[in-house]
Amino acid sequence: MVSPKNKESVQGEKEDIEKEEETISIEVTHEITNDFVWRGQSFSGDYISRRDNLPYKSISEAYTYVPVARITHTNGFFFELEANIALKGRGDRDSDQRIQSYPGGNEIDINRWTGKFLTNPNDNINFYDPSNAVYSENCNPSLANDPFANPCAINPTQIKTYSERNGLGRTDGLFTTFAYEMETRRFGTFTVGSWWYFKKNRSSKNTWNEYFIWWELPWFKQSLNPTIQSFKQTSANTQAGYSSQYSSFSIGHHFLKEKEVSFEWTTSFGYVWVNNPDSQKSGLNDITSTIKFLWNQYFFSLNHAHRPEIDLYDNDKIYFVNSESNLPLTNLSERDGMTSDPSKTFGIQSDLISGAINQLDTSDLIQVWAKNRLQSQMIPRNLFWVGIGMTQTF
C-alpha cells in the first residue's frame, strides 16, 4: 500500500514531467534575396522596374531582407512574424520625367506657359488651363486653391520636376500568423489559422486578412510530404490583385537530413479561383520550386516561379503605372500577355515616338494601337531569385 506521502511525491513528479514537456521554442531566420516573390508575383522586382524606368525582368536586383520569427508551443499553437524590407531604392525619385505642378500631375508645356506669363507681366497669378497644359486666365479663381480639388489654382512657382511616391520603402510588409497544428497518426497533420498582412500600399497603408487550412497527407509522408493548402481572403483586395481564394498542392523532400550538410527540395502548384473582382479570371497561378542547401544553421537557396497562365497577371492591378499618374497607359487586352514597359513609358524618346504617331494621318484607334504596341512588353513567364541566410533556435 502506497502512503499518502509517497502518493504526493509521485504526483509531483508527474506534474514536473508534464511541465517539462510543455515547452516553447523560438526559431528566427534571416534571409537576403534579390527579389521578394510571393505566389508568383514579383513585389520588389516589379516595383523597382517602375521606379527606375526599367523593363520587367525575370531576374531582378531588388535586394530584400526577409526576417522570420516563429514561436511554437508543444501543444500545437504557433505564432509567426515574417517581414519583407527593401534594401535598395527606398527613396522616391522622378520617374515620369515631366515638368509638373504636383507629383503625378499633367505635364506642363513650358513654351506656352512662359509665353503666356510674359505677355501678362503685371498679372501676379496665372491659372492653369488643363486643356492646354499651361497656366492661363480661363480657370475659375473662386475655387479652393488646392492642387487636387482645383488644379487650375496652383501657384506658378510650383512648376518643376517632382519625385513620385515610388520608393521601395512603400513595399515593406509584415505577415502576422496565428495557427494551430494538430498531428494525427491515421489522417496526417492538420493546420488551421489566420494571418494578416500589413504594408504601405503604394501611397497609402493597406491591411488584408486570410483564413487557411493545411493538410499534410499521411501517404508518402516520409518521401514526398504531400500537402494541400487553401486560403480564403475575408474581402477581395482590389488594389493589389490578390485573389480572393488561393489553393496549392506541394511536395518535397529533405535529403541527407541527419548530416551536417543537406539539401531540401520543394515544389508547389498554386491555383487562383478569382484573380481580382474586375478581371474575374481563374486558373493555374504559379509552379514554384526551391532547392535549399543547408550547412549547420546557414543556408543558400535557388528559387524559380513559372506562371503558366500569364493572363492572370495581365491587368492594371499588378502591372500598374505610378499610382498618382493622371496619364495611365491603355491596356488594349487582358488576354495578350503584354503590359506597358516602364523603360518605354516616359522620357524624351517616348515623347518623340508619341508625337510622331499623333502626326500620322490615321484614325485614333490605330494611333492608340500603335502606341500600345511600341510601349509594351511581354510579361515574364518565369521568375528566378536566390537567397542566403541563417537560422537561430532558442
Foldseek 3Di string as FASTA:
>chain_A
DDDPVVVVVVVVVVVVVVVVLFDKKKKKWKKKKQFDADLRATLQFLLVCLQALFFRDQEHRFIWIWMKMKMATSQFKIKMKIKIATPPQQDFAQQQPAFALDAQHDHADVVVAVVQCVVCVVDQFFFADVVRSYTHPPADCVDDQDCVVGVRRGHPVSGGGDTFLRGCRQVIKMKIWIKGWDADQQFGIKMWTKIKMWGRQQPRTDIWMKTKMKGQGNPCCQPWRKMKMKIATPDFDQQAQAARIKIKIKTKHWAPVVDQKTKIKMWMWMWGQQRGPPVRDTGTAWIKMKIWIHHHFKIKMKIKIFGPQLLSVQDCSHNPRRPSHPDTQDDPDSRPQKDFTSNLNHDDVNVVVLVVLVPDPDDPVVSSVVSDVVGMDGDDRMHIMMMIIGMDMD
